[in-house]
Protein backbone atom coordinates (compact mmCIF):
# COMPACT_ATOMS: atom_id res chain seq x y z
CA MET A 1 170.95 -40.29 -11.77
CA SER A 2 173.65 -40.77 -8.89
CA ARG A 3 174.63 -44.09 -8.34
CA LYS A 4 175.09 -42.67 -4.65
CA ASN A 5 172.55 -43.78 -1.84
CA LEU A 6 172.25 -42.67 1.85
CA THR A 7 175.08 -45.14 3.04
CA ASP A 8 177.68 -43.08 1.19
CA ARG A 9 180.22 -41.07 3.05
CA PRO A 10 180.09 -37.52 2.45
CA VAL A 11 182.87 -36.16 -0.12
CA ILE A 12 185.22 -33.36 0.23
CA LEU A 13 186.12 -32.08 -3.28
CA VAL A 14 189.84 -30.89 -4.25
CA VAL A 15 189.80 -28.23 -6.75
CA ASN A 16 193.18 -27.86 -8.06
CA ASP A 17 195.30 -27.55 -11.76
CA LEU A 18 198.08 -30.00 -10.21
CA LYS A 19 196.60 -33.53 -9.91
CA ASP A 20 200.04 -34.36 -7.91
CA SER A 21 199.22 -31.28 -5.55
CA TYR A 22 195.63 -33.46 -4.87
CA ALA A 23 197.86 -36.54 -4.22
CA SER A 24 200.23 -34.81 -2.02
CA LEU A 25 197.32 -33.02 0.04
CA VAL A 26 195.18 -36.08 0.32
CA GLN A 27 198.31 -37.92 1.89
CA GLY A 28 199.32 -34.82 3.99
CA ILE A 29 195.56 -35.03 5.48
CA SER A 30 195.92 -38.85 6.35
CA ARG A 31 198.46 -38.17 9.02
CA TYR A 32 195.94 -35.89 10.77
CA ARG A 33 194.78 -37.13 14.06
CA SER A 34 195.42 -40.83 13.36
CA GLY A 35 193.68 -40.85 9.85
CA LYS A 36 190.14 -39.50 11.21
CA LEU A 37 189.37 -37.21 8.05
CA SER A 38 190.39 -40.08 6.35
CA LYS A 39 188.07 -42.43 7.69
CA GLU A 40 185.04 -39.89 7.78
CA PHE A 41 185.53 -38.48 4.09
CA ASP A 42 185.88 -39.41 0.95
CA PHE A 43 188.31 -37.20 -1.59
CA GLU A 44 187.46 -36.25 -5.13
CA TYR A 45 189.57 -34.43 -7.67
CA VAL A 46 188.38 -32.21 -10.07
CA SER A 47 191.07 -29.59 -11.97
CA CYS A 48 188.40 -26.83 -13.39
CA TYR A 49 185.40 -25.05 -13.46
CA PRO A 50 183.89 -27.17 -16.31
CA GLU A 51 184.76 -30.42 -14.70
CA LEU A 52 183.41 -29.08 -11.42
CA LYS A 53 180.28 -28.32 -12.98
CA ASP A 54 179.73 -31.49 -14.59
CA TRP A 55 180.78 -33.55 -11.40
CA TYR A 56 177.92 -31.78 -9.36
CA LEU A 57 175.60 -33.25 -12.47
CA GLY A 58 176.76 -36.57 -12.36
CA ASN A 59 176.40 -37.14 -8.46
CA ARG A 60 172.79 -35.43 -7.96
CA GLY A 61 172.29 -35.98 -4.16
CA ARG A 62 176.04 -36.41 -3.25
CA PHE A 63 176.45 -34.86 0.41
CA VAL A 64 179.53 -32.61 -0.64
CA SER A 65 180.96 -31.47 2.91
CA LEU A 66 183.53 -29.41 2.25
CA ILE A 67 185.20 -27.50 -1.06
CA ILE A 68 189.10 -27.17 -0.96
CA GLN A 69 189.52 -24.70 -3.53
CA ASP A 70 193.28 -23.71 -4.89
CA VAL A 71 193.52 -20.07 -5.77
CA ASP A 72 196.43 -19.96 -8.55
CA PHE A 73 195.54 -22.17 -11.52
CA SER A 74 199.31 -20.82 -13.52
CA HIS A 75 199.72 -24.55 -14.57
CA THR A 76 196.73 -24.27 -16.88
CA LYS A 77 197.81 -24.53 -20.57
CA ASP A 78 194.42 -24.89 -22.19
CA GLU A 79 192.58 -21.42 -22.25
CA ARG A 80 188.97 -23.14 -22.22
CA ARG A 81 189.44 -24.87 -19.17
CA LEU A 82 189.41 -21.14 -17.40
CA VAL A 83 186.64 -19.21 -16.74
CA GLY A 84 186.66 -15.07 -17.08
CA TYR A 85 184.72 -12.82 -14.16
CA PRO A 86 181.32 -13.85 -13.20
CA GLU A 87 178.40 -11.14 -12.68
CA LEU A 88 178.82 -11.33 -9.06
CA PHE A 89 182.55 -9.89 -9.22
CA ARG A 90 181.60 -7.32 -12.12
CA PRO A 91 181.76 -4.30 -9.95
CA MET A 92 184.78 -4.65 -8.77
CA SER A 93 187.21 -1.59 -9.31
CA ARG A 94 190.09 -2.99 -11.08
CA THR A 95 191.05 -6.11 -13.10
CA PHE A 96 193.14 -9.15 -11.64
CA ASP A 97 195.01 -11.94 -13.39
CA THR A 98 192.51 -14.46 -13.94
CA ARG A 99 194.85 -17.31 -13.95
CA ALA A 100 196.31 -16.58 -10.65
CA LEU A 101 193.17 -15.85 -9.05
CA GLN A 102 191.05 -18.45 -11.21
CA GLY A 103 190.39 -20.06 -7.60
CA LEU A 104 188.09 -17.24 -6.34
CA LEU A 105 186.21 -16.83 -9.67
CA ILE A 106 185.38 -20.46 -9.64
CA TYR A 107 183.88 -19.94 -6.32
CA GLY A 108 182.05 -17.04 -7.77
CA TYR A 109 180.48 -19.18 -10.35
CA LEU A 110 179.70 -21.88 -8.20
CA ARG A 111 177.60 -19.51 -5.95
CA GLN A 112 176.24 -17.30 -8.75
CA GLU A 113 174.72 -20.01 -10.86
CA ASN A 114 173.62 -21.85 -7.90
CA ILE A 115 175.27 -24.87 -8.41
CA ASP A 116 176.33 -25.07 -4.70
CA ARG A 117 175.30 -22.48 -2.38
CA THR A 118 175.69 -24.34 0.91
CA THR A 119 179.04 -26.02 0.78
CA PRO A 120 182.01 -24.19 2.57
CA VAL A 121 185.30 -23.59 0.80
CA VAL A 122 188.66 -23.11 2.03
CA PHE A 123 191.08 -21.25 -0.25
CA VAL A 124 194.79 -22.80 -0.49
CA SER A 125 197.95 -21.81 -1.84
CA GLY A 126 197.02 -18.13 -3.55
CA ARG A 127 199.19 -15.84 -4.86
CA ALA A 128 196.80 -13.06 -4.07
CA GLY A 129 198.03 -10.57 -1.34
CA MET A 130 195.96 -8.95 1.42
CA GLU A 131 194.50 -5.88 -0.72
CA THR A 132 193.22 -8.52 -3.36
CA THR A 133 191.67 -10.60 -0.96
CA ARG A 134 189.91 -8.06 0.89
CA GLU A 135 188.15 -6.31 -2.66
CA PHE A 136 187.12 -10.22 -3.33
CA ALA A 137 185.84 -10.27 0.25
CA ASN A 138 183.33 -7.69 -0.12
CA PHE A 139 181.48 -10.06 -2.73
CA MET A 140 182.08 -13.31 -1.54
CA VAL A 141 179.63 -12.91 1.61
CA ASN A 142 176.14 -13.86 0.96
CA PRO A 143 173.41 -14.65 3.03
CA GLY A 144 172.55 -18.31 3.14
CA CYS A 145 175.79 -18.93 1.82
CA GLY A 146 178.13 -21.87 3.00
CA SER A 147 181.32 -19.94 4.75
CA CYS A 148 184.65 -19.40 2.87
CA ALA A 149 188.35 -19.26 4.81
CA PHE A 150 191.62 -18.70 3.90
CA VAL A 151 194.69 -21.06 5.03
CA PRO A 152 196.96 -18.46 6.53
CA GLU A 153 200.18 -17.51 4.79
CA SER A 154 202.04 -18.69 7.73
CA ALA A 155 201.01 -21.91 7.29
CA VAL A 156 204.17 -23.27 5.41
CA GLY A 157 206.27 -26.22 5.16
CA GLU A 158 205.30 -28.83 7.78
CA GLN A 159 202.64 -26.84 9.03
CA PHE A 160 200.73 -26.31 5.60
CA TYR A 161 198.88 -29.73 5.75
CA PRO A 162 197.94 -29.84 9.29
CA ARG A 163 196.24 -26.28 8.99
CA ILE A 164 194.32 -27.40 5.90
CA ALA A 165 193.42 -30.67 8.12
CA GLU A 166 192.36 -28.39 11.44
CA SER A 167 190.39 -26.35 8.78
CA ILE A 168 188.50 -29.52 7.23
CA ASP A 169 187.68 -30.53 10.68
CA ALA A 170 186.30 -27.33 12.03
CA LEU A 171 184.71 -26.22 8.96
CA ALA A 172 183.01 -29.41 7.09
CA LEU A 173 179.29 -29.68 7.07
CA ARG A 174 178.39 -33.36 8.54
CA PRO A 175 175.37 -34.93 7.75
CA LEU A 176 173.02 -35.16 10.67
CA ASP A 177 173.10 -38.39 12.88
CA ARG A 178 170.01 -40.07 13.78
CA GLY A 179 170.52 -38.65 17.74
CA LYS A 180 170.68 -35.12 16.18
CA ARG A 181 167.50 -35.81 14.15
CA LEU A 182 165.93 -36.68 17.32
CA HIS A 183 167.12 -33.81 19.29
CA TRP A 184 165.76 -31.75 16.92
CA ARG A 185 162.58 -33.30 16.34
CA ASP A 186 161.96 -33.74 20.35
CA HIS A 187 163.64 -30.45 21.57
CA HIS A 188 162.69 -27.63 18.86
CA HIS A 189 159.63 -29.44 17.28
CA MET A 190 161.71 -29.55 13.83
CA VAL A 191 161.72 -32.68 11.77
CA VAL A 192 165.06 -31.45 9.99
CA GLY A 193 165.57 -35.03 8.02
CA ARG A 194 168.54 -35.67 6.02
CA ALA A 195 168.48 -33.07 3.36
CA ARG A 196 171.92 -31.19 2.89
CA ARG A 197 169.93 -27.60 2.89
CA MET A 198 168.87 -28.52 6.43
CA ALA A 199 172.25 -29.82 7.66
CA PHE A 200 173.29 -26.36 7.02
CA LEU A 201 170.49 -24.90 8.55
CA VAL A 202 171.10 -26.84 11.77
CA HIS A 203 175.11 -26.09 11.70
CA GLU A 204 174.23 -22.27 11.44
CA VAL A 205 171.74 -22.19 14.13
CA GLU A 206 173.92 -24.16 16.66
CA ARG A 207 176.88 -22.06 15.64
CA ILE A 208 174.79 -18.59 16.02
CA GLY A 209 172.28 -19.72 18.77
CA PRO A 210 174.85 -19.46 21.54
CA LEU A 211 175.82 -15.83 20.61
CA ASP A 212 173.95 -12.69 21.59
CA ALA A 213 174.06 -10.89 18.23
CA ILE A 214 171.19 -9.85 16.46
CA VAL A 215 169.95 -12.51 13.86
CA LEU A 216 167.86 -11.96 10.21
CA LEU A 217 165.80 -15.19 9.36
CA LEU A 218 165.35 -14.77 5.66
CA GLY A 219 162.69 -17.41 4.15
CA LYS A 220 159.44 -17.35 2.00
CA PRO A 221 156.08 -17.22 3.77
CA GLY A 222 155.29 -20.86 5.26
CA VAL A 223 158.68 -22.10 5.36
CA GLY A 224 158.87 -22.20 9.25
CA LYS A 225 160.89 -19.11 10.45
CA GLU A 226 159.34 -18.97 13.66
CA LEU A 227 160.36 -22.71 14.45
CA VAL A 228 163.88 -21.74 13.69
CA ALA A 229 163.93 -18.48 15.90
CA ASN A 230 162.53 -20.67 18.80
CA ALA A 231 165.26 -23.20 18.01
CA LEU A 232 167.64 -20.01 18.09
CA HIS A 233 166.20 -19.37 21.52
CA ARG A 234 166.35 -22.92 22.87
CA CYS A 235 170.25 -22.82 21.47
CA SER A 236 171.27 -19.77 23.70
CA GLY A 237 171.48 -19.15 27.70
CA ARG A 238 168.28 -17.00 27.26
CA TYR A 239 166.28 -20.19 27.38
CA VAL A 240 164.72 -21.42 30.62
CA GLU A 241 162.61 -24.19 30.69
CA ALA A 242 161.03 -23.59 34.02
CA ASP A 243 160.28 -19.91 33.53
CA PRO A 244 157.17 -19.35 31.34
CA ALA A 245 158.61 -16.00 30.81
CA ARG A 246 161.91 -17.29 28.82
CA ARG A 247 160.44 -20.44 27.47
CA TYR A 248 159.74 -18.87 24.23
CA PRO A 249 160.74 -15.56 22.61
CA CYS A 250 158.39 -12.61 22.91
CA THR A 251 156.95 -12.08 19.91
CA VAL A 252 155.79 -8.98 17.93
CA ASN A 253 154.36 -9.53 14.52
CA MET A 254 155.33 -6.27 12.60
CA ALA A 255 152.97 -6.61 9.81
CA ALA A 256 149.76 -6.99 11.82
CA LEU A 257 150.16 -3.50 13.59
CA GLY A 258 150.19 0.09 12.24
CA LYS A 259 152.77 2.47 13.03
CA ASP A 260 151.47 3.76 16.04
CA LEU A 261 150.63 0.22 17.64
CA ILE A 262 154.13 -0.81 16.84
CA GLU A 263 155.97 1.61 18.53
CA ASP A 264 153.67 1.25 21.55
CA GLU A 265 154.50 -2.72 21.26
CA LEU A 266 157.71 -2.18 21.05
CA PHE A 267 158.75 0.72 23.53
CA GLY A 268 155.47 0.86 26.01
CA HIS A 269 153.94 4.07 27.03
CA GLU A 270 153.71 6.45 30.25
CA ARG A 271 150.24 7.27 31.58
CA GLY A 272 149.02 10.05 29.77
CA ALA A 273 151.24 9.95 26.82
CA TYR A 274 148.36 9.89 24.25
CA THR A 275 144.29 9.86 24.69
CA GLY A 276 143.36 6.13 26.35
CA ALA A 277 146.87 5.79 28.21
CA ALA A 278 145.13 5.58 31.41
CA GLY A 279 148.24 3.92 32.87
CA GLU A 280 151.70 3.08 32.12
CA ARG A 281 152.46 -0.04 30.06
CA ALA A 282 156.25 -1.78 29.49
CA GLY A 283 157.23 -2.46 25.77
CA ILE A 284 158.49 -5.90 24.92
CA PHE A 285 161.82 -5.08 25.20
CA GLU A 286 161.40 -4.33 28.73
CA ALA A 287 159.23 -7.15 29.27
CA ALA A 288 161.73 -9.49 27.92
CA ARG A 289 164.06 -9.54 30.77
CA GLY A 290 166.59 -11.30 29.79
CA SER A 291 164.78 -13.50 27.21
CA THR A 292 164.90 -13.16 23.29
CA VAL A 293 162.80 -10.75 21.49
CA PHE A 294 160.99 -11.97 18.16
CA LEU A 295 160.17 -9.41 15.56
CA ASP A 296 158.30 -11.08 13.15
CA GLU A 297 158.25 -9.61 9.42
CA ILE A 298 160.64 -6.96 10.46
CA GLY A 299 160.81 -5.66 6.36
CA GLU A 300 157.25 -3.77 7.24
CA ILE A 301 158.55 -1.25 9.39
CA ASP A 302 159.06 2.61 8.06
CA LYS A 303 162.46 4.75 8.41
CA GLU A 304 161.01 6.44 11.97
CA ILE A 305 160.83 3.03 13.92
CA GLN A 306 164.07 1.78 11.80
CA SER A 307 165.95 4.83 13.91
CA LYS A 308 164.24 4.26 16.92
CA LEU A 309 165.08 0.32 16.89
CA LEU A 310 168.86 1.08 16.02
CA ARG A 311 168.99 2.77 19.15
CA THR A 312 167.71 -0.02 20.87
CA ILE A 313 170.02 -2.48 18.96
CA GLU A 314 173.21 -0.24 19.74
CA TYR A 315 172.82 0.51 23.11
CA HIS A 316 170.07 -1.50 24.56
CA ARG A 317 167.60 1.15 25.63
CA VAL A 318 164.29 2.17 25.34
CA LYS A 319 162.42 5.39 25.79
CA ARG A 320 158.53 4.72 26.34
CA ILE A 321 156.40 6.81 24.46
CA GLY A 322 155.45 10.16 26.52
CA ALA A 323 158.88 9.48 28.52
CA SER A 324 161.73 11.95 29.21
CA ILE A 325 164.18 9.31 30.18
CA GLU A 326 165.60 6.21 28.74
CA ILE A 327 165.14 2.75 30.41
CA GLU A 328 168.08 0.15 30.13
CA VAL A 329 166.98 -3.35 28.71
CA GLU A 330 168.47 -6.55 28.32
CA MET A 331 167.46 -8.95 25.63
CA ARG A 332 168.61 -10.34 22.48
CA ILE A 333 166.57 -9.74 18.77
CA VAL A 334 166.12 -12.42 16.37
CA ALA A 335 163.95 -11.28 13.39
CA THR A 336 162.50 -12.37 10.35
CA THR A 337 161.64 -11.20 6.71
CA ASN A 338 160.05 -12.54 3.61
CA ARG A 339 161.60 -9.81 1.39
CA PRO A 340 164.58 -10.35 -0.36
CA MET A 341 167.92 -8.41 0.29
CA GLU A 342 167.45 -6.23 -2.45
CA GLY A 343 164.00 -5.07 -1.28
CA LEU A 344 165.70 -4.60 2.26
CA GLN A 345 168.50 -2.63 1.01
CA ARG A 346 165.75 -0.39 -0.72
CA LEU A 347 163.52 0.05 2.41
CA PHE A 348 165.72 0.42 5.10
CA ARG A 349 168.41 3.10 6.18
CA PRO A 350 171.79 2.15 5.64
CA ASP A 351 172.93 2.28 9.20
CA PHE A 352 169.82 0.17 10.24
CA TYR A 353 170.20 -2.39 7.30
CA SER A 354 173.92 -2.85 8.13
CA ARG A 355 173.14 -3.38 11.83
CA LEU A 356 170.35 -6.11 11.13
CA VAL A 357 172.28 -8.26 8.33
CA GLN A 358 175.20 -9.35 10.74
CA HIS A 359 174.05 -12.64 10.83
CA CYS A 360 171.82 -13.88 8.06
CA VAL A 361 170.02 -17.48 8.26
CA LEU A 362 168.46 -18.54 4.95
CA VAL A 363 165.20 -20.85 5.76
CA PRO A 364 164.96 -22.95 2.78
CA SER A 365 161.50 -23.26 1.33
CA LEU A 366 160.19 -26.85 0.32
CA ARG A 367 161.64 -26.40 -3.23
CA GLU A 368 165.14 -25.30 -1.94
CA ARG A 369 164.97 -28.13 0.81
CA TRP A 370 164.76 -31.08 -1.49
CA GLU A 371 166.23 -29.49 -4.83
CA GLY A 372 168.68 -31.75 -6.06
CA GLU A 373 168.23 -34.49 -3.51
CA PRO A 374 167.84 -38.41 -4.35
CA GLY A 375 164.40 -39.47 -4.26
CA GLN A 376 165.16 -41.87 -1.24
CA VAL A 377 166.11 -38.43 0.68
CA VAL A 378 162.77 -36.83 -0.13
CA GLU A 379 160.88 -40.22 0.63
CA TYR A 380 162.39 -40.80 3.87
CA ASP A 381 162.14 -37.08 5.06
CA LEU A 382 158.31 -37.28 4.09
CA GLU A 383 157.91 -40.26 5.98
CA GLN A 384 159.58 -38.60 9.14
CA MET A 385 157.50 -35.58 8.77
CA PHE A 386 154.19 -37.49 8.63
CA ASP A 387 154.82 -39.58 11.36
CA TYR A 388 155.74 -36.51 13.62
CA PHE A 389 152.44 -34.64 12.63
CA ILE A 390 150.22 -37.77 12.90
CA GLU A 391 151.74 -38.34 16.26
CA GLN A 392 150.99 -34.85 17.48
CA MET A 393 147.42 -35.36 16.27
CA ASN A 394 147.06 -39.07 17.78
CA ARG A 395 147.76 -37.75 21.03
CA ASP A 396 144.52 -35.33 21.16
CA THR A 397 142.02 -37.13 23.10
CA ARG A 398 139.02 -35.74 21.13
CA ASN A 399 140.46 -38.25 18.16
CA LYS A 400 138.65 -41.30 18.41
CA ARG A 401 141.51 -43.72 17.09
CA ARG A 402 145.01 -43.64 16.68
CA ILE A 403 146.18 -43.73 12.55
CA ARG A 404 148.86 -44.21 10.61
CA MET A 405 150.19 -43.41 7.24
CA GLU A 406 150.08 -45.52 5.01
CA ARG A 407 152.97 -46.23 2.49
CA THR A 408 151.88 -45.94 -0.66
CA ALA A 409 150.13 -42.38 0.08
CA VAL A 410 153.87 -41.09 1.33
CA ARG A 411 155.13 -42.20 -2.10
CA PHE A 412 152.45 -40.81 -4.05
CA VAL A 413 152.97 -37.21 -2.13
CA ARG A 414 156.91 -37.82 -3.00
CA GLN A 415 156.06 -37.82 -6.21
CA LEU A 416 153.81 -34.58 -6.03
CA VAL A 417 156.55 -32.73 -4.35
CA GLU A 418 159.48 -33.95 -6.81
CA GLU A 419 156.89 -32.65 -9.19
CA TYR A 420 156.93 -29.30 -7.49
CA ILE A 421 160.60 -29.19 -7.38
CA ASP A 422 160.32 -29.76 -11.30
CA GLY A 423 157.93 -26.84 -11.73
CA SER A 424 155.22 -29.64 -13.03
CA ASN A 425 152.79 -28.10 -10.52
CA GLU A 426 152.28 -25.43 -8.23
CA ILE A 427 150.15 -27.49 -4.96
CA PHE A 428 153.26 -26.54 -2.41
CA ASP A 429 153.61 -22.78 -3.27
CA GLY A 430 152.55 -22.12 0.70
CA ASN A 431 155.81 -24.27 1.38
CA MET A 432 155.71 -26.58 4.59
CA ARG A 433 152.44 -24.95 5.81
CA THR A 434 150.63 -26.42 2.72
CA LEU A 435 151.98 -29.86 3.10
CA ARG A 436 151.26 -29.90 6.69
CA ASN A 437 147.83 -28.57 6.31
CA ILE A 438 147.16 -31.28 3.27
CA ILE A 439 147.94 -33.87 5.89
CA GLU A 440 145.89 -32.73 8.73
CA ARG A 441 142.82 -32.54 6.31
CA ALA A 442 143.72 -36.29 5.19
CA TYR A 443 143.70 -37.18 8.99
CA GLU A 444 140.25 -35.66 9.48
CA ARG A 445 139.06 -37.51 6.57
CA ALA A 446 140.50 -40.90 8.00
CA GLN A 447 139.07 -40.48 11.26
CA TYR A 448 135.55 -39.66 9.74
CA ASP A 449 136.15 -42.43 7.55
CA GLY A 450 136.72 -44.84 10.62
CA SER A 451 140.18 -45.84 8.85
CA GLU A 452 143.41 -46.70 10.60
CA GLU A 453 145.54 -45.48 8.01
CA ILE A 454 145.56 -42.62 6.04
CA GLY A 455 145.70 -43.57 2.26
CA PHE A 456 145.77 -42.40 -1.10
CA GLY A 457 141.69 -42.01 -0.94
CA HIS A 458 142.39 -39.53 1.70
CA ILE A 459 144.73 -37.69 -0.01
CA ILE A 460 143.27 -36.76 -3.33
CA PRO A 461 139.98 -35.09 -1.86
CA THR A 462 142.42 -33.01 0.15
CA LEU A 463 144.50 -31.98 -2.87
CA ALA A 464 141.41 -31.24 -4.85
CA PHE A 465 140.27 -28.69 -2.53
CA GLN A 466 143.95 -27.50 -2.20
CA ARG A 467 144.20 -26.60 -5.96
CA LEU A 468 140.85 -24.94 -5.71
CA THR A 469 141.83 -22.92 -3.13
CA HIS A 470 144.73 -22.03 -5.22
CA ALA A 471 142.69 -21.06 -8.10
CA GLN A 472 140.34 -18.86 -6.37
CA ALA A 473 143.35 -17.36 -4.61
CA GLU A 474 144.51 -16.32 -8.44
CA ALA A 475 141.23 -15.36 -9.43
CA SER A 476 140.70 -12.88 -6.80
CA ALA A 477 143.84 -11.27 -6.95
CA GLU A 478 143.30 -8.33 -8.70
CA PRO A 479 146.22 -7.13 -11.12
CA ALA A 480 147.81 -3.58 -10.09
CA PRO A 481 146.38 -0.99 -12.07
CA THR A 482 148.26 0.60 -15.07
CA LEU A 483 149.93 3.87 -15.15
CA GLU A 484 147.95 4.57 -17.85
CA ALA A 485 144.50 3.78 -16.31
CA LEU A 486 145.57 5.99 -13.39
CA ALA A 487 146.71 8.74 -15.24
CA GLY A 488 144.22 8.53 -18.19
CA THR A 489 147.21 9.06 -20.70
CA LEU A 490 150.96 7.71 -21.44
CA ASN A 491 151.60 11.44 -22.59
CA LEU A 492 154.73 12.28 -20.40
CA ALA A 493 153.83 16.02 -20.33
CA ARG A 494 150.28 15.68 -19.51
CA ILE A 495 151.09 13.13 -16.76
CA GLU A 496 153.97 15.74 -15.59
CA ARG A 497 151.34 18.76 -15.66
CA LYS A 498 148.82 16.42 -13.97
CA ALA A 499 151.29 15.67 -10.94
CA ILE A 500 152.36 19.27 -10.40
CA ALA A 501 148.66 20.74 -10.69
CA GLU A 502 147.72 17.89 -8.03
CA ALA A 503 150.89 18.87 -5.82
CA LEU A 504 150.55 22.45 -5.75
CA ALA A 505 146.76 21.82 -4.97
CA LYS A 506 147.56 19.51 -1.94
CA ALA A 507 150.34 21.90 -0.69
CA ASN A 508 147.93 25.01 -0.68
CA HIS A 509 149.95 26.46 -3.55
CA ASN A 510 152.89 26.03 -1.46
CA GLN A 511 155.91 25.71 -4.07
CA SER A 512 158.68 24.21 -1.32
CA LYS A 513 155.88 22.09 -0.25
CA ALA A 514 154.76 21.02 -3.64
CA ALA A 515 158.10 20.51 -4.70
CA GLU A 516 158.80 18.19 -1.87
CA PHE A 517 155.48 16.00 -2.97
CA LEU A 518 157.02 15.73 -6.16
CA GLY A 519 160.51 14.36 -5.00
CA ILE A 520 162.26 17.69 -7.14
CA HIS A 521 163.85 20.96 -6.19
CA ARG A 522 161.82 23.77 -5.52
CA ASP A 523 163.84 25.79 -8.31
CA THR A 524 163.29 22.98 -10.78
CA LEU A 525 159.37 23.28 -10.10
CA ARG A 526 159.53 27.09 -10.51
CA ARG A 527 161.26 26.73 -13.88
CA LYS A 528 158.58 24.06 -14.93
CA LEU A 529 156.02 26.68 -13.81
CA GLU A 530 157.52 29.50 -15.91
CA ASP A 531 157.45 27.52 -18.91
CA LYS A 532 154.94 28.07 -21.52
CA GLU A 533 151.38 27.35 -20.36
CA PRO A 534 149.89 24.33 -22.42
CA ASN A 535 147.12 24.64 -24.77
């Protein structure tokens, strides 16, 4: 366990194979703005990747604000202190000197092994040229990861340490102070707490929010992506509190609509465009009128809708169904998906995918939020969350009495959350949605009992029902049918003959169409048909 606590200053790690260089760096940085950075951060030195890994193991829960990463490790004599290429960099077209570029390889392991995916990294004093850096850069930008930056080659001599200090001041991740946490609770309706992943999320939203670019929010169901989308809107100039049309984003749930309904919802229609279209209707992009359009679960749309959306993104124009001209629209798009990036790459057209992922923000799951955090951070965050949820319910005039949360109940839920993070239970697979549901049901029990506090006894029955619901959901989820069950055999020749016969029947024996169904060339199908007929 870490000896550090919530009062410790955030730390900046300096990874360098020369301790003298580290000492000079800290001394040089101390002169920046009358010692501003030296007062705000602790600086700690590690000399290689194995030491960096050990540092994280021994300092669980320490708030790491920045990593200053030397690139050239030519002074390292012991080969065992060096690392080779991580899998993250394997697709590179050529091999580079691992000593001269050791810092870049360390960065790859840091992200790949999930040792630290949040902390920004500043690279210094490398021998890597522009072409080398460009090739590495193809693999160094990952959604949900902290940014990386390079001290420019022009920063030499007296400019070297001041430029590094400026990079630290601009890029370092800071803990959220009380004022910031209160602002997010009261203005954005989110309890962000003290966890480092949430500090990173706040930093990303406040950085990207004022921009007008499209944003893709990544995260599992129940993590609060819609709350983050609302926060992005409020951080932008498109939010107008006094205007009901611009107070919240205009929302479309893409997963809940069929293809035709999605197109109508997004782009609208003209009168008579289809049966039942008795009048014209503006789509959501038109209706937004300078606001934000929130496309929830965008990973469910087909390629035709992708093509039309791409044009809207590129040119801010839409064409209603049945219209002959395009209409200019003025809005910003925020989208969400619970699909992994690899899944989106398979589902989306390359041009649509490249435009959609320009700004990706990962909304952490419950496990990701508190993984690696000390117990006191988890307990503090839970207490703040429960106070917020309960206060909202206390304001409901239908509730007979004001209720508070008993301290032992908070500690009990903290224990359950820590067990979930360690993989000992599956209670919180629904993420923050499940956590809130548990507190709401416990609150209802406390009201019914005439209690002034939500106690241990109110939490236990709620958890029992949660486990029962989870077990019933697992039992009712039927496994996908096997290929053998569908085809009646695993014999490849028989499966192929069966597929060809069904494709021909479906295409009314049009061989070109049947080949299209099968995903093969027409000539390939003809060759297969010309083969010896089966017995």
